[in-house]
């Protein structure tokens, strides 16, 4: 679900693929919700609402390197 680009771990499915972003967050032991102002209103546990995501022009970078299993 993530690819390495220029040393960064980038989500493969862009900014509008909630299904895959939910699946990735559900599988990630390091998910941590961002502050309320930075979260999408209609979503709960999704990479799009994670404190460790940084938006890019096309998608987001995961600062923790992608999915981390427990």
PDB file of N, CA and C in Angstrom:
ATOM      1  N   UNK A   1       0.802  -1.191   0.000  1.00  0.00           N
ATOM      2  CA  UNK A   1       0.000   0.000   0.000  1.00  0.00           C
ATOM      3  C   UNK A   1       0.853   1.265   0.000  1.00  0.00           C
ATOM      4  N   UNK A   2       2.148   1.096   0.288  1.00  0.00           N
ATOM      5  CA  UNK A   2       3.074   2.222   0.332  1.00  0.00           C
ATOM      6  C   UNK A   2       4.273   1.933  -0.557  1.00  0.00           C
ATOM      7  N   UNK A   3       4.832   2.984  -1.126  1.00  0.00           N
ATOM      8  CA  UNK A   3       6.038   2.878  -1.943  1.00  0.00           C
ATOM      9  C   UNK A   3       7.073   3.860  -1.436  1.00  0.00           C
ATOM     10  N   UNK A   4       8.333   3.519  -1.664  1.00  0.00           N
ATOM     11  CA  UNK A   4       9.421   4.438  -1.324  1.00  0.00           C
ATOM     12  C   UNK A   4       9.650   5.365  -2.517  1.00  0.00           C
ATOM     13  N   UNK A   5       9.633   6.682  -2.234  1.00  0.00           N
ATOM     14  CA  UNK A   5       9.906   7.690  -3.258  1.00  0.00           C
ATOM     15  C   UNK A   5      10.858   8.721  -2.672  1.00  0.00           C
ATOM     16  N   UNK A   6      12.059   8.782  -3.214  1.00  0.00           N
ATOM     17  CA  UNK A   6      13.058   9.749  -2.735  1.00  0.00           C
ATOM     18  C   UNK A   6      13.273   9.647  -1.233  1.00  0.00           C
ATOM     19  N   UNK A   7      13.315   8.429  -0.720  1.00  0.00           N
ATOM     20  CA  UNK A   7      13.549   8.208   0.703  1.00  0.00           C
ATOM     21  C   UNK A   7      12.328   8.399   1.583  1.00  0.00           C
ATOM     22  N   UNK A   8      11.168   8.645   0.989  1.00  0.00           N
ATOM     23  CA  UNK A   8       9.930   8.844   1.748  1.00  0.00           C
ATOM     24  C   UNK A   8       8.975   7.687   1.474  1.00  0.00           C
ATOM     25  N   UNK A   9       8.150   7.360   2.453  1.00  0.00           N
ATOM     26  CA  UNK A   9       7.165   6.298   2.302  1.00  0.00           C
ATOM     27  C   UNK A   9       5.831   6.942   1.947  1.00  0.00           C
ATOM     28  N   UNK A  10       5.381   6.741   0.703  1.00  0.00           N
ATOM     29  CA  UNK A  10       4.209   7.425   0.168  1.00  0.00           C
ATOM     30  C   UNK A  10       3.078   6.420  -0.068  1.00  0.00           C
ATOM     31  N   UNK A  11       1.867   6.806   0.340  1.00  0.00           N
ATOM     32  CA  UNK A  11       0.669   5.995   0.144  1.00  0.00           C
ATOM     33  C   UNK A  11       0.385   5.893  -1.351  1.00  0.00           C
ATOM     34  N   UNK A  12       0.185   4.670  -1.850  1.00  0.00           N
ATOM     35  CA  UNK A  12       0.033   4.407  -3.284  1.00  0.00           C
ATOM     36  C   UNK A  12      -1.296   4.869  -3.884  1.00  0.00           C
ATOM     37  N   UNK A  13      -2.294   5.125  -3.058  1.00  0.00           N
ATOM     38  CA  UNK A  13      -3.639   5.310  -3.583  1.00  0.00           C
ATOM     39  C   UNK A  13      -4.156   6.746  -3.516  1.00  0.00           C
ATOM     40  N   UNK A  14      -3.295   7.701  -3.249  1.00  0.00           N
ATOM     41  CA  UNK A  14      -3.684   9.103  -3.312  1.00  0.00           C
ATOM     42  C   UNK A  14      -4.498   9.588  -2.129  1.00  0.00           C
ATOM     43  N   UNK A  15      -5.195  10.698  -2.361  1.00  0.00           N
ATOM     44  CA  UNK A  15      -5.937  11.384  -1.305  1.00  0.00           C
ATOM     45  C   UNK A  15      -7.401  10.977  -1.206  1.00  0.00           C
ATOM     46  N   UNK A  16      -7.881  10.159  -2.132  1.00  0.00           N
ATOM     47  CA  UNK A  16      -9.316   9.879  -2.197  1.00  0.00           C
ATOM     48  C   UNK A  16      -9.661   8.399  -2.187  1.00  0.00           C
ATOM     49  N   UNK A  17      -8.864   7.584  -1.539  1.00  0.00           N
ATOM     50  CA  UNK A  17      -9.144   6.151  -1.491  1.00  0.00           C
ATOM     51  C   UNK A  17      -9.326   5.726  -0.035  1.00  0.00           C
ATOM     52  N   UNK A  18     -10.479   6.086   0.501  1.00  0.00           N
ATOM     53  CA  UNK A  18     -10.743   5.850   1.922  1.00  0.00           C
ATOM     54  C   UNK A  18     -10.689   4.375   2.302  1.00  0.00           C
ATOM     55  N   UNK A  19     -11.124   3.487   1.416  1.00  0.00           N
ATOM     56  CA  UNK A  19     -11.115   2.055   1.739  1.00  0.00           C
ATOM     57  C   UNK A  19      -9.711   1.558   2.066  1.00  0.00           C
ATOM     58  N   UNK A  20      -8.748   1.861   1.206  1.00  0.00           N
ATOM     59  CA  UNK A  20      -7.377   1.408   1.447  1.00  0.00           C
ATOM     60  C   UNK A  20      -6.740   2.149   2.623  1.00  0.00           C
ATOM     61  N   UNK A  21      -7.069   3.415   2.794  1.00  0.00           N
ATOM     62  CA  UNK A  21      -6.526   4.179   3.935  1.00  0.00           C
ATOM     63  C   UNK A  21      -7.061   3.623   5.253  1.00  0.00           C
ATOM     64  N   UNK A  22      -8.320   3.170   5.273  1.00  0.00           N
ATOM     65  CA  UNK A  22      -8.883   2.534   6.475  1.00  0.00           C
ATOM     66  C   UNK A  22      -8.202   1.200   6.741  1.00  0.00           C
ATOM     67  N   UNK A  23      -8.025   0.405   5.690  1.00  0.00           N
ATOM     68  CA  UNK A  23      -7.377  -0.909   5.855  1.00  0.00           C
ATOM     69  C   UNK A  23      -5.952  -0.762   6.377  1.00  0.00           C
ATOM     70  N   UNK A  24      -5.217   0.193   5.811  1.00  0.00           N
ATOM     71  CA  UNK A  24      -3.833   0.395   6.253  1.00  0.00           C
ATOM     72  C   UNK A  24      -3.796   0.821   7.717  1.00  0.00           C
ATOM     73  N   UNK A  25      -4.667   1.720   8.118  1.00  0.00           N
ATOM     74  CA  UNK A  25      -4.702   2.176   9.515  1.00  0.00           C
ATOM     75  C   UNK A  25      -5.114   1.049  10.452  1.00  0.00           C
ATOM     76  N   UNK A  26      -6.059   0.225  10.027  1.00  0.00           N
ATOM     77  CA  UNK A  26      -6.513  -0.894  10.857  1.00  0.00           C
ATOM     78  C   UNK A  26      -5.379  -1.889  11.100  1.00  0.00           C
ATOM     79  N   UNK A  27      -4.480  -2.028  10.129  1.00  0.00           N
ATOM     80  CA  UNK A  27      -3.370  -2.972  10.232  1.00  0.00           C
ATOM     81  C   UNK A  27      -2.127  -2.372  10.878  1.00  0.00           C
ATOM     82  N   UNK A  28      -2.138  -1.083  11.169  1.00  0.00           N
ATOM     83  CA  UNK A  28      -0.932  -0.408  11.661  1.00  0.00           C
ATOM     84  C   UNK A  28      -0.952  -0.261  13.182  1.00  0.00           C
ATOM     85  N   UNK A  29       0.051  -0.806  13.831  1.00  0.00           N
ATOM     86  CA  UNK A  29       0.152  -0.725  15.292  1.00  0.00           C
ATOM     87  C   UNK A  29       0.582   0.665  15.760  1.00  0.00           C
ATOM     88  N   UNK A  30       1.044   1.520  14.846  1.00  0.00           N
ATOM     89  CA  UNK A  30       1.528   2.846  15.221  1.00  0.00           C
ATOM     90  C   UNK A  30       0.542   3.962  14.919  1.00  0.00           C
ATOM     91  N   UNK A  31      -0.661   3.610  14.451  1.00  0.00           N
ATOM     92  CA  UNK A  31      -1.663   4.647  14.169  1.00  0.00           C
ATOM     93  C   UNK A  31      -1.927   5.473  15.424  1.00  0.00           C
ATOM     94  N   UNK A  32      -1.960   6.790  15.248  1.00  0.00           N
ATOM     95  CA  UNK A  32      -2.286   7.694  16.353  1.00  0.00           C
ATOM     96  C   UNK A  32      -3.118   8.827  15.767  1.00  0.00           C
ATOM     97  N   UNK A  33      -4.313   9.054  16.288  1.00  0.00           N
ATOM     98  CA  UNK A  33      -5.176  10.077  15.689  1.00  0.00           C
ATOM     99  C   UNK A  33      -4.577  11.480  15.810  1.00  0.00           C
ATOM    100  N   UNK A  34      -4.717  12.240  14.745  1.00  0.00           N
ATOM    101  CA  UNK A  34      -4.258  13.619  14.726  1.00  0.00           C
ATOM    102  C   UNK A  34      -5.236  14.488  15.512  1.00  0.00           C
ATOM    103  N   UNK A  35      -4.891  15.748  15.735  1.00  0.00           N
ATOM    104  CA  UNK A  35      -5.804  16.649  16.426  1.00  0.00           C
ATOM    105  C   UNK A  35      -7.071  16.824  15.578  1.00  0.00           C
ATOM    106  N   UNK A  36      -8.156  17.125  16.229  1.00  0.00           N
ATOM    107  CA  UNK A  36      -9.472  17.179  15.585  1.00  0.00           C
ATOM    108  C   UNK A  36      -9.500  18.105  14.368  1.00  0.00           C
ATOM    109  N   UNK A  37      -8.810  19.231  14.427  1.00  0.00           N
ATOM    110  CA  UNK A  37      -8.819  20.191  13.317  1.00  0.00           C
ATOM    111  C   UNK A  37      -8.167  19.633  12.058  1.00  0.00           C
ATOM    112  N   UNK A  38      -7.301  18.644  12.203  1.00  0.00           N
ATOM    113  CA  UNK A  38      -6.575  18.077  11.073  1.00  0.00           C
ATOM    114  C   UNK A  38      -7.220  16.810  10.520  1.00  0.00           C
ATOM    115  N   UNK A  39      -8.297  16.344  11.144  1.00  0.00           N
ATOM    116  CA  UNK A  39      -8.943  15.100  10.735  1.00  0.00           C
ATOM    117  C   UNK A  39     -10.099  15.353   9.778  1.00  0.00           C
ATOM    118  N   UNK A  40     -10.358  14.346   8.950  1.00  0.00           N
ATOM    119  CA  UNK A  40     -11.533  14.391   8.091  1.00  0.00           C
ATOM    120  C   UNK A  40     -12.772  14.169   8.953  1.00  0.00           C
ATOM    121  N   UNK A  41     -13.809  14.919   8.721  1.00  0.00           N
ATOM    122  CA  UNK A  41     -15.007  14.856   9.557  1.00  0.00           C
ATOM    123  C   UNK A  41     -15.690  13.499   9.556  1.00  0.00           C
ATOM    124  N   UNK A  42     -15.774  12.859   8.391  1.00  0.00           N
ATOM    125  CA  UNK A  42     -16.586  11.654   8.267  1.00  0.00           C
ATOM    126  C   UNK A  42     -15.811  10.353   8.433  1.00  0.00           C
ATOM    127  N   UNK A  43     -14.585  10.431   8.851  1.00  0.00           N
ATOM    128  CA  UNK A  43     -13.763   9.228   8.989  1.00  0.00           C
ATOM    129  C   UNK A  43     -13.251   9.081  10.414  1.00  0.00           C
ATOM    130  N   UNK A  44     -12.979   7.858  10.814  1.00  0.00           N
ATOM    131  CA  UNK A  44     -12.401   7.608  12.125  1.00  0.00           C
ATOM    132  C   UNK A  44     -10.965   7.131  11.957  1.00  0.00           C
ATOM    133  N   UNK A  45     -10.753   5.818  12.120  1.00  0.00           N
ATOM    134  CA  UNK A  45      -9.400   5.275  12.030  1.00  0.00           C
ATOM    135  C   UNK A  45      -9.040   5.054  10.567  1.00  0.00           C
ATOM    136  N   UNK A  46      -8.327   6.002  10.029  1.00  0.00           N
ATOM    137  CA  UNK A  46      -7.850   5.959   8.655  1.00  0.00           C
ATOM    138  C   UNK A  46      -6.519   6.688   8.599  1.00  0.00           C
ATOM    139  N   UNK A  47      -5.660   6.287   7.708  1.00  0.00           N
ATOM    140  CA  UNK A  47      -4.377   6.974   7.568  1.00  0.00           C
ATOM    141  C   UNK A  47      -4.563   8.469   7.328  1.00  0.00           C
ATOM    142  N   UNK A  48      -5.666   8.841   6.703  1.00  0.00           N
ATOM    143  CA  UNK A  48      -5.924  10.257   6.434  1.00  0.00           C
ATOM    144  C   UNK A  48      -6.087  11.059   7.723  1.00  0.00           C
ATOM    145  N   UNK A  49      -6.363  10.392   8.829  1.00  0.00           N
ATOM    146  CA  UNK A  49      -6.525  11.067  10.118  1.00  0.00           C
ATOM    147  C   UNK A  49      -5.377  10.790  11.086  1.00  0.00           C
ATOM    148  N   UNK A  50      -4.303  10.223  10.602  1.00  0.00           N
ATOM    149  CA  UNK A  50      -3.181   9.853  11.477  1.00  0.00           C
ATOM    150  C   UNK A  50      -2.236  11.035  11.701  1.00  0.00           C
ATOM    151  N   UNK A  51      -1.769  11.150  12.902  1.00  0.00           N
ATOM    152  CA  UNK A  51      -0.813  12.209  13.251  1.00  0.00           C
ATOM    153  C   UNK A  51       0.488  12.077  12.463  1.00  0.00           C
ATOM    154  N   UNK A  52       0.824  10.877  12.021  1.00  0.00           N
ATOM    155  CA  UNK A  52       2.095  10.632  11.353  1.00  0.00           C
ATOM    156  C   UNK A  52       2.021  10.727   9.834  1.00  0.00           C
ATOM    157  N   UNK A  53       0.941  11.289   9.289  1.00  0.00           N
ATOM    158  CA  UNK A  53       0.851  11.488   7.846  1.00  0.00           C
ATOM    159  C   UNK A  53       1.100  12.953   7.532  1.00  0.00           C
ATOM    160  N   UNK A  54       1.789  13.151   6.414  1.00  0.00           N
ATOM    161  CA  UNK A  54       2.052  14.503   5.918  1.00  0.00           C
ATOM    162  C   UNK A  54       1.594  14.539   4.464  1.00  0.00           C
ATOM    163  N   UNK A  55       0.700  15.442   4.167  1.00  0.00           N
ATOM    164  CA  UNK A  55       0.145  15.537   2.821  1.00  0.00           C
ATOM    165  C   UNK A  55       1.215  15.927   1.815  1.00  0.00           C
ATOM    166  N   UNK A  56       1.108  15.346   0.625  1.00  0.00           N
ATOM    167  CA  UNK A  56       1.934  15.719  -0.521  1.00  0.00           C
ATOM    168  C   UNK A  56       0.973  16.221  -1.596  1.00  0.00           C
ATOM    169  N   UNK A  57       1.492  16.597  -2.739  1.00  0.00           N
ATOM    170  CA  UNK A  57       0.630  17.097  -3.822  1.00  0.00           C
ATOM    171  C   UNK A  57      -0.367  16.035  -4.283  1.00  0.00           C
ATOM    172  N   UNK A  58       0.051  14.784  -4.335  1.00  0.00           N
ATOM    173  CA  UNK A  58      -0.797  13.718  -4.870  1.00  0.00           C
ATOM    174  C   UNK A  58      -1.353  12.767  -3.820  1.00  0.00           C
ATOM    175  N   UNK A  59      -0.716  12.667  -2.649  1.00  0.00           N
ATOM    176  CA  UNK A  59      -1.082  11.654  -1.661  1.00  0.00           C
ATOM    177  C   UNK A  59      -0.644  12.128  -0.271  1.00  0.00           C
ATOM    178  N   UNK A  60       0.000  11.218   0.481  1.00  0.00           N
ATOM    179  CA  UNK A  60       0.607  11.599   1.754  1.00  0.00           C
ATOM    180  C   UNK A  60       1.817  10.722   2.024  1.00  0.00           C
ATOM    181  N   UNK A  61       2.701  11.236   2.846  1.00  0.00           N
ATOM    182  CA  UNK A  61       3.866  10.502   3.306  1.00  0.00           C
ATOM    183  C   UNK A  61       3.571   9.975   4.705  1.00  0.00           C
ATOM    184  N   UNK A  62       3.927   8.728   4.972  1.00  0.00           N
ATOM    185  CA  UNK A  62       3.821   8.162   6.315  1.00  0.00           C
ATOM    186  C   UNK A  62       5.171   8.349   6.999  1.00  0.00           C
ATOM    187  N   UNK A  63       5.179   9.129   8.067  1.00  0.00           N
ATOM    188  CA  UNK A  63       6.430   9.396   8.776  1.00  0.00           C
ATOM    189  C   UNK A  63       6.938   8.191   9.556  1.00  0.00           C
ATOM    190  N   UNK A  64       6.086   7.160   9.705  1.00  0.00           N
ATOM    191  CA  UNK A  64       6.489   5.938  10.414  1.00  0.00           C
ATOM    192  C   UNK A  64       6.843   4.817   9.458  1.00  0.00           C
ATOM    193  N   UNK A  65       6.825   5.079   8.157  1.00  0.00           N
ATOM    194  CA  UNK A  65       7.297   4.103   7.187  1.00  0.00           C
ATOM    195  C   UNK A  65       6.277   3.105   6.688  1.00  0.00           C
ATOM    196  N   UNK A  66       4.999   3.372   6.819  1.00  0.00           N
ATOM    197  CA  UNK A  66       3.975   2.466   6.311  1.00  0.00           C
ATOM    198  C   UNK A  66       3.363   1.624   7.416  1.00  0.00           C
ATOM    199  N   UNK A  67       2.805   0.505   7.057  1.00  0.00           N
ATOM    200  CA  UNK A  67       2.082  -0.344   7.999  1.00  0.00           C
ATOM    201  C   UNK A  67       3.052  -1.069   8.940  1.00  0.00           C
ATOM    202  N   UNK A  68       2.762  -1.016  10.226  1.00  0.00           N
ATOM    203  CA  UNK A  68       3.546  -1.723  11.238  1.00  0.00           C
ATOM    204  C   UNK A  68       2.614  -2.660  11.992  1.00  0.00           C
ATOM    205  N   UNK A  69       2.887  -3.937  11.902  1.00  0.00           N
ATOM    206  CA  UNK A  69       2.022  -4.931  12.529  1.00  0.00           C
ATOM    207  C   UNK A  69       2.430  -5.167  13.963  1.00  0.00           C
ATOM    208  N   UNK A  70       1.440  -5.493  14.780  1.00  0.00           N
ATOM    209  CA  UNK A  70       1.698  -5.787  16.192  1.00  0.00           C
ATOM    210  C   UNK A  70       2.368  -7.121  16.353  1.00  0.00           C
TER     211      UNK A  70
END
